């Protein structure tokens, strides 16, 4: 199904949405921003009802009326759209002529989410990433060598994770780069395991920090192979860091405890835990979730994190597991302002993190729900590690 306005719509974004998405203090407490959040969500829901034929009918069937939304409970009660819905349907609140960027959520296998961004949405999403990366201390003026554990881009390649990883290379000037999933032509990629090892060996002798980005499973298998062939432990240059994006997904049965993984990284690469940064994000919900130095994924000011019961989709108390769900008014191009993901998660109170500079609730991912046909970017990429 394709659903979009029949003609270009008014490009004026509500001022409330512009103001809210421009907040530059990334971890304001809910109490300070809830009233503004409710107001902005009402405005963005009205925008999607006015401009998306599909969401207008969805709102009618579910009795969604913006003027009835008064509290956070009212917002949470609005039926979310499952991220999987975008794998089968192209839904837009903008005309095709207003699409600024089109990204998909999977690699060469599995269903592909079709998410379309207008200029406002993608610009604000990137501004948010800049804000949280600065807060986390990731931005540097010192050139770095990049090992990218993701698909090597090529002209016309639209997978969201590679787009994100390419964007993340802006936070330190690029001295050199190596993509672990090498493009071999014909729309195909191949995992270059030994190329990764030799590249890291070469870079340890250069006077530039190394940044390793992308799927954690790839780094795990690189370290595993290094041990198997008795490859000498490396000592990467000062200032090196690791930025994890995506998850283990297709290799959940091989995932090891975080503390054990981080110990392997420190022993074999010389990178300490505080220089390992984790993130969560998706093409369907591009708000940046970057961990604190305690490796907690905190809720930023521009969204609200909800854990929903797997049967009823009603919110569950903190500490109970369920489907990960998000509310955010940042997206004006697609009615994905209230989504439920395919990931199981648990939410924790702000007080359970000892870092006072992160005074918001945080969540941890427990695994992915669904069947083997529900493939994410990481799951599709993991097929290369299986020799497929």
Foldseek 3Di string as FASTA:
>chain_A
DEWWAPDFDDPDDDPLLVVQLPDQQWFDACVVCVQSQLVLLLRLLVLCLVQTPVSVVVCVVVVPHSVVRDGVLSVLPRDAAAQCVQLPYHTWSGDPVQFPAWAWWAADAFGTRTDTAGPQLVVSLVVLVVSVCVVQVQADAFEAEEEEAAADDDPPHHHPVVVVVVSVCVRYHHPYYDYQQYDPDPSHTFGDLVVVVVVLVVQQPDQHAYEYEEEPVSVVVSLVVCVVVVPAAGERHPPHAYEYEDYQAQVPVVDDDPVVSQVSCCRRHVDHQLRYKYWYDTSLGSHTQIAHSVRFRFRTSQKDWFFAAAPPGRGDDAPDKHWIWMAGSSGNTGPNRTYTYQWIKGKDAQVVDPDPSNSGITMDTDHGDDDLSNDGHNSNSCVSVVVD
